[in-house]
Each structure stands twice: as C-alpha cells, then as structure tokens.
Amino acid sequence: MKKIDLTPFTIPVLIPVVDEKGAIQTGEGNSRQMTWQHVPYPFIDNIINIVLNSKQEVTARQLLERNMVCEKLELAEKSGDTELLLDQKEYEMLTLSFENFKGFGRNDVEMVKRILSAPEVE
C-alpha cells in the first residue's frame, strides 16, 4: 500500500492590491500595485482534474476505475483525513496519470512529489 499525504498546503500567488472599497490600487504610470499572498492549493481538485482529464484518452472501463480512486480522494478530503492509503493497482493508475499528463507548473511541484514519492506502508 502507498500512503498519500493529503495535508493542506499553500502556494504564493501575485494578486492586485485593493483598497477598502475593493478598487484596484494603481502606482506609477497607472500600473497595478501587486503583492504576494499565500493561498490554499487545490490539491484534491487538481489530482482529480489530472486523473480524469480527457487528454488521458482512457477507455470507459478505465474512466470508471479512475473515478473510484477520485471518489476515495474526495471522501478523505470531506472527512478531514490527512492521508489516504491506496493499493498497488490504484497507486499505479494514479502515477500513470501523472506521468502521462503534460502541463505542470511550479505551483504543482509539491503535489507531484507527494504522488510520485508516496511512501510504502503495510
């Protein structure tokens, strides 16, 4: 079995500075003032979007199998669990989805590490 760490984490995002009325603040030359803030990373949603992405080109049966793992992820999230145990077949499906997906960015590094480097447990 593989243990997936579901502990929430944040990512830095550049956002516009707004005043108390919600208006975007501008600086020199009418350029927007921006600031870095840490926001929650949509960990479970992003995993599901990768696993069920239409570009994965899966069969109907594979889609149903993948959806079962996604439902386990959603249930764990709703229950407030900080980890999820997957059997070897479920884990292989998950890693295959990640290995086939193209389009990861810097904000996805922690998610990818947690999936591809999941520890083995008994």
N, C-alpha and C. Protein backbone atom coordinates (compact mmCIF):
# COMPACT_ATOMS: atom_id res chain seq x y z
N MET A 1 0.85 -1.18 0.00
CA MET A 1 0.00 0.00 0.00
C MET A 1 0.90 1.24 0.00
N LYS A 2 0.37 2.27 -0.62
CA LYS A 2 1.07 3.56 -0.66
C LYS A 2 0.25 4.57 0.12
N LYS A 3 0.96 5.43 0.86
CA LYS A 3 0.31 6.44 1.67
C LYS A 3 0.48 7.81 1.02
N ILE A 4 -0.65 8.42 0.64
CA ILE A 4 -0.65 9.74 0.02
C ILE A 4 -0.90 10.79 1.11
N ASP A 5 0.00 11.75 1.23
CA ASP A 5 -0.12 12.84 2.20
C ASP A 5 -1.13 13.85 1.67
N LEU A 6 -2.23 14.05 2.39
CA LEU A 6 -3.29 14.98 1.99
C LEU A 6 -3.28 16.28 2.79
N THR A 7 -2.24 16.49 3.59
CA THR A 7 -2.15 17.70 4.41
C THR A 7 -2.25 18.94 3.52
N PRO A 8 -3.14 19.87 3.85
CA PRO A 8 -3.25 21.09 3.03
C PRO A 8 -1.95 21.89 3.02
N PHE A 9 -1.70 22.58 1.91
CA PHE A 9 -0.55 23.47 1.83
C PHE A 9 -0.93 24.69 1.01
N THR A 10 -0.07 25.70 1.06
CA THR A 10 -0.35 26.94 0.34
C THR A 10 0.71 27.17 -0.73
N ILE A 11 0.35 28.05 -1.68
CA ILE A 11 1.27 28.44 -2.74
C ILE A 11 1.27 29.97 -2.83
N PRO A 12 2.40 30.56 -3.23
CA PRO A 12 2.44 32.02 -3.39
C PRO A 12 1.78 32.44 -4.70
N VAL A 13 0.93 33.46 -4.61
CA VAL A 13 0.23 33.97 -5.79
C VAL A 13 0.33 35.49 -5.78
N LEU A 14 0.61 36.05 -6.93
CA LEU A 14 0.70 37.50 -7.08
C LEU A 14 -0.70 38.04 -7.36
N ILE A 15 -1.20 38.91 -6.48
CA ILE A 15 -2.55 39.45 -6.65
C ILE A 15 -2.53 40.97 -6.57
N PRO A 16 -3.53 41.64 -7.16
CA PRO A 16 -3.58 43.10 -7.11
C PRO A 16 -3.92 43.59 -5.70
N VAL A 17 -3.38 44.75 -5.36
CA VAL A 17 -3.70 45.40 -4.08
C VAL A 17 -5.01 46.16 -4.27
N VAL A 18 -5.95 45.96 -3.34
CA VAL A 18 -7.23 46.66 -3.41
C VAL A 18 -7.43 47.50 -2.16
N ASP A 19 -8.19 48.59 -2.29
CA ASP A 19 -8.49 49.43 -1.13
C ASP A 19 -9.72 48.87 -0.41
N GLU A 20 -10.14 49.56 0.65
CA GLU A 20 -11.26 49.08 1.45
C GLU A 20 -12.58 49.02 0.68
N LYS A 21 -12.67 49.72 -0.45
CA LYS A 21 -13.88 49.69 -1.28
C LYS A 21 -13.78 48.62 -2.38
N GLY A 22 -12.65 47.96 -2.46
CA GLY A 22 -12.47 46.91 -3.45
C GLY A 22 -11.87 47.39 -4.76
N ALA A 23 -11.49 48.66 -4.82
CA ALA A 23 -10.89 49.20 -6.04
C ALA A 23 -9.42 48.80 -6.11
N ILE A 24 -8.97 48.41 -7.29
CA ILE A 24 -7.58 48.04 -7.50
C ILE A 24 -6.71 49.29 -7.44
N GLN A 25 -5.67 49.22 -6.63
CA GLN A 25 -4.75 50.33 -6.46
C GLN A 25 -3.77 50.38 -7.63
N THR A 26 -3.48 51.58 -8.08
CA THR A 26 -2.51 51.74 -9.15
C THR A 26 -1.32 52.54 -8.65
N GLY A 27 -0.22 52.32 -9.29
CA GLY A 27 1.01 53.01 -8.92
C GLY A 27 1.45 53.92 -10.04
N GLU A 28 2.74 54.05 -10.15
CA GLU A 28 3.34 54.92 -11.15
C GLU A 28 2.94 54.47 -12.56
N GLY A 29 2.51 55.40 -13.38
CA GLY A 29 2.12 55.09 -14.76
C GLY A 29 0.84 54.29 -14.85
N ASN A 30 0.01 54.36 -13.85
CA ASN A 30 -1.27 53.64 -13.80
C ASN A 30 -1.11 52.12 -13.77
N SER A 31 0.09 51.63 -13.45
CA SER A 31 0.27 50.19 -13.36
C SER A 31 -0.34 49.69 -12.04
N ARG A 32 -0.85 48.50 -12.08
CA ARG A 32 -1.47 47.93 -10.88
C ARG A 32 -0.43 47.64 -9.82
N GLN A 33 -0.77 47.92 -8.59
CA GLN A 33 0.09 47.52 -7.48
C GLN A 33 -0.22 46.05 -7.17
N MET A 34 0.82 45.27 -7.04
CA MET A 34 0.65 43.83 -6.81
C MET A 34 1.37 43.43 -5.53
N THR A 35 0.89 42.35 -4.92
CA THR A 35 1.51 41.82 -3.72
C THR A 35 1.42 40.29 -3.74
N TRP A 36 2.38 39.66 -3.08
CA TRP A 36 2.37 38.20 -2.97
C TRP A 36 1.55 37.79 -1.77
N GLN A 37 0.69 36.81 -1.95
CA GLN A 37 -0.06 36.21 -0.85
C GLN A 37 -0.02 34.70 -1.00
N HIS A 38 -0.08 34.03 0.14
CA HIS A 38 -0.15 32.57 0.11
C HIS A 38 -1.62 32.16 0.17
N VAL A 39 -2.01 31.34 -0.79
CA VAL A 39 -3.39 30.87 -0.87
C VAL A 39 -3.39 29.33 -0.83
N PRO A 40 -4.49 28.74 -0.39
CA PRO A 40 -4.56 27.28 -0.35
C PRO A 40 -4.44 26.69 -1.76
N TYR A 41 -3.65 25.63 -1.89
CA TYR A 41 -3.51 24.92 -3.15
C TYR A 41 -4.65 23.91 -3.26
N PRO A 42 -5.37 23.89 -4.37
CA PRO A 42 -6.50 22.95 -4.53
C PRO A 42 -6.00 21.53 -4.85
N PHE A 43 -5.40 20.91 -3.86
CA PHE A 43 -4.70 19.64 -4.00
C PHE A 43 -5.58 18.54 -4.58
N ILE A 44 -6.68 18.23 -3.90
CA ILE A 44 -7.54 17.13 -4.33
C ILE A 44 -8.16 17.43 -5.69
N ASP A 45 -8.66 18.65 -5.87
CA ASP A 45 -9.25 19.03 -7.16
C ASP A 45 -8.26 18.87 -8.30
N ASN A 46 -7.01 19.26 -8.08
CA ASN A 46 -6.02 19.16 -9.14
C ASN A 46 -5.68 17.71 -9.46
N ILE A 47 -5.61 16.87 -8.45
CA ILE A 47 -5.37 15.44 -8.70
C ILE A 47 -6.50 14.88 -9.56
N ILE A 48 -7.72 15.18 -9.17
CA ILE A 48 -8.89 14.68 -9.90
C ILE A 48 -8.88 15.20 -11.34
N ASN A 49 -8.56 16.47 -11.52
CA ASN A 49 -8.53 17.04 -12.87
C ASN A 49 -7.48 16.38 -13.75
N ILE A 50 -6.38 15.95 -13.16
CA ILE A 50 -5.34 15.25 -13.92
C ILE A 50 -5.77 13.82 -14.25
N VAL A 51 -6.28 13.13 -13.24
CA VAL A 51 -6.66 11.72 -13.42
C VAL A 51 -7.81 11.57 -14.41
N LEU A 52 -8.77 12.50 -14.38
CA LEU A 52 -9.95 12.39 -15.24
C LEU A 52 -9.87 13.30 -16.47
N ASN A 53 -8.71 13.85 -16.75
CA ASN A 53 -8.54 14.73 -17.90
C ASN A 53 -8.80 13.97 -19.20
N SER A 54 -9.57 14.57 -20.10
CA SER A 54 -9.93 13.89 -21.35
C SER A 54 -8.70 13.59 -22.21
N LYS A 55 -7.62 14.34 -22.03
CA LYS A 55 -6.41 14.09 -22.82
C LYS A 55 -5.68 12.82 -22.37
N GLN A 56 -6.13 12.22 -21.27
CA GLN A 56 -5.54 10.94 -20.84
C GLN A 56 -5.95 9.81 -21.78
N GLU A 57 -7.02 10.04 -22.57
CA GLU A 57 -7.50 9.08 -23.56
C GLU A 57 -7.69 7.68 -22.97
N VAL A 58 -8.54 7.59 -21.96
CA VAL A 58 -8.82 6.31 -21.31
C VAL A 58 -10.10 5.70 -21.87
N THR A 59 -10.22 4.40 -21.70
CA THR A 59 -11.45 3.71 -22.10
C THR A 59 -12.53 3.96 -21.05
N ALA A 60 -13.74 3.55 -21.36
CA ALA A 60 -14.85 3.72 -20.42
C ALA A 60 -14.56 2.97 -19.11
N ARG A 61 -14.06 1.77 -19.21
CA ARG A 61 -13.74 0.97 -18.01
C ARG A 61 -12.65 1.64 -17.19
N GLN A 62 -11.62 2.15 -17.86
CA GLN A 62 -10.54 2.85 -17.16
C GLN A 62 -11.07 4.12 -16.47
N LEU A 63 -11.97 4.81 -17.14
CA LEU A 63 -12.56 6.01 -16.56
C LEU A 63 -13.28 5.67 -15.26
N LEU A 64 -14.05 4.60 -15.25
CA LEU A 64 -14.77 4.20 -14.04
C LEU A 64 -13.81 3.81 -12.92
N GLU A 65 -12.73 3.11 -13.27
CA GLU A 65 -11.73 2.74 -12.27
C GLU A 65 -11.06 3.98 -11.69
N ARG A 66 -10.73 4.91 -12.55
CA ARG A 66 -10.10 6.16 -12.10
C ARG A 66 -11.06 6.96 -11.23
N ASN A 67 -12.32 6.96 -11.62
CA ASN A 67 -13.31 7.71 -10.84
C ASN A 67 -13.44 7.15 -9.43
N MET A 68 -13.31 5.85 -9.27
CA MET A 68 -13.39 5.25 -7.92
C MET A 68 -12.28 5.79 -7.02
N VAL A 69 -11.08 5.93 -7.56
CA VAL A 69 -9.97 6.49 -6.78
C VAL A 69 -10.26 7.96 -6.47
N CYS A 70 -10.80 8.69 -7.43
CA CYS A 70 -11.13 10.10 -7.20
C CYS A 70 -12.19 10.24 -6.12
N GLU A 71 -13.15 9.34 -6.09
CA GLU A 71 -14.18 9.37 -5.04
C GLU A 71 -13.56 9.10 -3.67
N LYS A 72 -12.55 8.21 -3.62
CA LYS A 72 -11.85 7.97 -2.36
C LYS A 72 -11.13 9.25 -1.88
N LEU A 73 -10.53 9.96 -2.84
CA LEU A 73 -9.85 11.22 -2.50
C LEU A 73 -10.84 12.25 -1.96
N GLU A 74 -11.98 12.39 -2.63
CA GLU A 74 -12.99 13.35 -2.20
C GLU A 74 -13.54 12.99 -0.82
N LEU A 75 -13.77 11.72 -0.58
CA LEU A 75 -14.27 11.28 0.72
C LEU A 75 -13.25 11.57 1.82
N ALA A 76 -11.99 11.31 1.54
CA ALA A 76 -10.93 11.58 2.52
C ALA A 76 -10.88 13.07 2.83
N GLU A 77 -11.00 13.90 1.79
CA GLU A 77 -10.98 15.35 2.00
C GLU A 77 -12.17 15.80 2.85
N LYS A 78 -13.36 15.30 2.53
CA LYS A 78 -14.56 15.68 3.28
C LYS A 78 -14.48 15.22 4.73
N SER A 79 -13.82 14.09 4.95
CA SER A 79 -13.67 13.55 6.31
C SER A 79 -12.57 14.25 7.10
N GLY A 80 -11.79 15.08 6.43
CA GLY A 80 -10.69 15.77 7.09
C GLY A 80 -9.46 14.91 7.28
N ASP A 81 -9.38 13.80 6.56
CA ASP A 81 -8.22 12.91 6.67
C ASP A 81 -6.98 13.61 6.11
N THR A 82 -5.84 13.33 6.71
CA THR A 82 -4.59 13.92 6.24
C THR A 82 -3.74 12.93 5.44
N GLU A 83 -4.27 11.71 5.27
CA GLU A 83 -3.58 10.73 4.44
C GLU A 83 -4.59 9.77 3.85
N LEU A 84 -4.17 9.13 2.76
CA LEU A 84 -5.02 8.16 2.09
C LEU A 84 -4.16 6.98 1.67
N LEU A 85 -4.63 5.78 1.99
CA LEU A 85 -3.92 4.57 1.59
C LEU A 85 -4.50 4.04 0.29
N LEU A 86 -3.62 3.76 -0.66
CA LEU A 86 -4.03 3.21 -1.95
C LEU A 86 -3.35 1.87 -2.15
N ASP A 87 -4.10 0.90 -2.69
CA ASP A 87 -3.46 -0.37 -3.01
C ASP A 87 -2.59 -0.18 -4.25
N GLN A 88 -1.83 -1.21 -4.59
CA GLN A 88 -0.85 -1.08 -5.67
C GLN A 88 -1.50 -0.72 -7.01
N LYS A 89 -2.64 -1.34 -7.32
CA LYS A 89 -3.32 -1.07 -8.60
C LYS A 89 -3.80 0.39 -8.65
N GLU A 90 -4.38 0.88 -7.56
CA GLU A 90 -4.85 2.28 -7.51
C GLU A 90 -3.68 3.25 -7.64
N TYR A 91 -2.60 2.93 -6.94
CA TYR A 91 -1.42 3.81 -6.98
C TYR A 91 -0.79 3.83 -8.37
N GLU A 92 -0.70 2.68 -9.01
CA GLU A 92 -0.13 2.63 -10.36
C GLU A 92 -0.97 3.44 -11.34
N MET A 93 -2.29 3.39 -11.20
CA MET A 93 -3.17 4.18 -12.05
C MET A 93 -2.91 5.67 -11.83
N LEU A 94 -2.76 6.05 -10.57
CA LEU A 94 -2.52 7.45 -10.23
C LEU A 94 -1.17 7.92 -10.80
N THR A 95 -0.13 7.14 -10.60
CA THR A 95 1.18 7.55 -11.11
C THR A 95 1.21 7.57 -12.63
N LEU A 96 0.53 6.62 -13.27
CA LEU A 96 0.47 6.61 -14.74
C LEU A 96 -0.21 7.89 -15.24
N SER A 97 -1.27 8.30 -14.56
CA SER A 97 -1.96 9.54 -14.94
C SER A 97 -1.02 10.73 -14.85
N PHE A 98 -0.24 10.79 -13.78
CA PHE A 98 0.70 11.90 -13.60
C PHE A 98 1.83 11.85 -14.61
N GLU A 99 2.33 10.66 -14.91
CA GLU A 99 3.42 10.53 -15.88
C GLU A 99 2.97 10.89 -17.29
N ASN A 100 1.70 10.65 -17.62
CA ASN A 100 1.19 10.94 -18.95
C ASN A 100 0.75 12.40 -19.11
N PHE A 101 0.47 13.08 -18.02
CA PHE A 101 -0.04 14.45 -18.09
C PHE A 101 1.07 15.42 -18.46
N LYS A 102 0.72 16.39 -19.29
CA LYS A 102 1.66 17.45 -19.66
C LYS A 102 1.02 18.78 -19.32
N GLY A 103 1.78 19.67 -18.71
CA GLY A 103 1.25 20.99 -18.38
C GLY A 103 1.42 21.37 -16.91
N PHE A 104 2.27 20.65 -16.19
CA PHE A 104 2.53 21.02 -14.80
C PHE A 104 3.30 22.34 -14.74
N GLY A 105 3.10 23.06 -13.66
CA GLY A 105 3.84 24.29 -13.42
C GLY A 105 4.50 24.26 -12.06
N ARG A 106 5.16 25.35 -11.72
CA ARG A 106 5.91 25.43 -10.47
C ARG A 106 5.03 25.19 -9.24
N ASN A 107 3.80 25.68 -9.28
CA ASN A 107 2.90 25.50 -8.13
C ASN A 107 2.51 24.05 -7.92
N ASP A 108 2.74 23.20 -8.91
CA ASP A 108 2.35 21.79 -8.82
C ASP A 108 3.44 20.88 -8.25
N VAL A 109 4.61 21.42 -7.99
CA VAL A 109 5.74 20.59 -7.57
C VAL A 109 5.42 19.78 -6.31
N GLU A 110 4.86 20.40 -5.30
CA GLU A 110 4.56 19.69 -4.05
C GLU A 110 3.56 18.56 -4.30
N MET A 111 2.54 18.81 -5.09
CA MET A 111 1.55 17.78 -5.40
C MET A 111 2.23 16.60 -6.10
N VAL A 112 3.03 16.89 -7.11
CA VAL A 112 3.70 15.83 -7.87
C VAL A 112 4.62 15.02 -6.97
N LYS A 113 5.36 15.71 -6.09
CA LYS A 113 6.26 15.00 -5.16
C LYS A 113 5.46 14.05 -4.26
N ARG A 114 4.34 14.55 -3.75
CA ARG A 114 3.53 13.72 -2.84
C ARG A 114 2.99 12.48 -3.53
N ILE A 115 2.68 12.59 -4.81
CA ILE A 115 2.15 11.43 -5.53
C ILE A 115 3.27 10.48 -5.94
N LEU A 116 4.27 10.98 -6.61
CA LEU A 116 5.31 10.12 -7.16
C LEU A 116 6.28 9.59 -6.12
N SER A 117 6.33 10.23 -4.94
CA SER A 117 7.25 9.79 -3.89
C SER A 117 6.49 9.27 -2.66
N ALA A 118 5.28 8.79 -2.85
CA ALA A 118 4.48 8.29 -1.73
C ALA A 118 5.18 7.11 -1.06
N PRO A 119 5.25 7.13 0.26
CA PRO A 119 5.92 6.01 0.96
C PRO A 119 5.09 4.73 0.95
N GLU A 120 5.79 3.64 0.97
CA GLU A 120 5.17 2.32 1.08
C GLU A 120 4.86 2.05 2.55
N VAL A 121 3.65 1.57 2.82
CA VAL A 121 3.26 1.19 4.18
C VAL A 121 2.63 -0.20 4.15
N GLU A 122 2.60 -0.83 5.30
CA GLU A 122 2.00 -2.17 5.37
C GLU A 122 0.63 -2.12 6.02
